[in-house]
Protein backbone atom coordinates (compact mmCIF):
# COMPACT_ATOMS: atom_id res chain seq x y z
CA MET A 1 -189.74 14.99 58.91
CA SER A 2 -190.08 13.72 55.57
CA GLU A 3 -192.14 16.49 53.85
CA SER A 4 -191.12 17.39 50.29
CA LEU A 5 -189.15 20.41 49.78
CA THR A 6 -190.67 23.38 47.37
CA PRO A 7 -188.27 24.01 44.42
CA ARG A 8 -186.99 27.14 46.08
CA GLN A 9 -186.07 25.20 48.94
CA ARG A 10 -184.34 22.42 46.94
CA ASP A 11 -182.50 25.33 45.09
CA PHE A 12 -181.25 26.51 48.58
CA THR A 13 -180.15 23.27 49.63
CA GLN A 14 -178.37 22.46 46.30
CA THR A 15 -176.65 25.67 46.74
CA VAL A 16 -175.38 24.89 50.15
CA ALA A 17 -174.13 21.65 49.32
CA ALA A 18 -172.21 22.95 46.11
CA LEU A 19 -170.78 25.75 48.11
CA SER A 20 -169.77 23.21 50.89
CA ARG A 21 -168.21 21.11 48.31
CA ARG A 22 -166.25 23.82 46.39
CA ARG A 23 -164.92 25.56 49.26
CA GLY A 24 -164.44 22.52 51.86
CA ILE A 25 -166.31 24.50 54.59
CA PRO A 26 -169.88 25.35 55.23
CA PRO A 27 -171.31 28.53 53.58
CA THR A 28 -172.56 31.68 55.33
CA LEU A 29 -175.86 32.79 54.69
CA ALA A 30 -174.63 35.72 53.09
CA GLU A 31 -172.38 33.61 50.65
CA VAL A 32 -175.54 31.55 49.98
CA ALA A 33 -177.75 34.63 49.48
CA ALA A 34 -175.15 36.00 46.74
CA GLU A 35 -174.96 32.79 45.06
CA MET A 36 -178.85 32.59 44.78
CA GLU A 37 -179.10 36.46 43.99
CA ILE A 38 -181.48 36.72 46.75
CA SER A 39 -181.49 39.24 49.93
CA GLU A 40 -179.92 37.73 53.11
CA ALA A 41 -183.32 38.02 54.78
CA ARG A 42 -184.84 35.61 52.35
CA ALA A 43 -181.80 33.21 52.75
CA ILE A 44 -182.65 33.18 56.52
CA GLN A 45 -186.30 32.41 55.60
CA LEU A 46 -185.25 29.63 53.34
CA ALA A 47 -182.75 28.27 56.01
CA ASP A 48 -185.59 28.15 58.68
CA SER A 49 -188.04 26.54 56.57
CA CYS A 50 -185.56 23.88 55.21
CA GLN A 51 -184.40 23.47 58.80
CA ALA A 52 -188.07 23.03 59.89
CA ARG A 53 -188.57 20.24 57.32
CA GLY A 54 -185.28 18.36 58.43
CA ALA A 55 -183.30 19.26 55.23
CA VAL A 56 -180.78 21.51 56.94
CA LYS A 57 -178.94 21.77 60.34
CA ARG A 58 -177.79 24.83 61.74
CA GLU A 59 -176.44 26.30 65.17
CA ARG A 60 -177.60 29.77 66.25
CA ARG A 61 -174.92 32.01 66.56
CA VAL A 62 -172.14 29.65 65.16
CA ALA A 63 -170.55 30.94 62.01
CA ARG A 64 -170.58 28.50 59.23
CA SER A 65 -172.79 25.67 61.01
CA LEU A 66 -175.23 25.34 57.86
CA ARG A 67 -175.05 22.01 56.24
CA VAL A 68 -177.37 19.92 54.32
CA VAL A 69 -178.82 16.71 56.09
CA ASP A 70 -178.43 13.44 54.39
CA ARG A 71 -181.43 11.94 53.58
CA LYS A 72 -180.53 8.90 55.83
CA GLU A 73 -180.38 11.10 58.67
CA ARG A 74 -183.64 12.55 58.33
CA GLN A 75 -186.53 11.51 60.76
CA PRO A 76 -189.01 9.48 59.12
């Protein structure tokens, strides 16, 4: 999907990318929530909405699987 992201979704994807670069591994949702100063429940909602828009990928029940999808990889 090529739908545009909301400002909060952009913040979420930028935070995921920054934490991944800084640590060398994908962040957990708890780490993203702490960095953004939001609840883990809100981080899950943002992850779900970003995943639905094709901006991030993650696998359920797999730790540290959250990653930002390159614009080139997104579905048209």
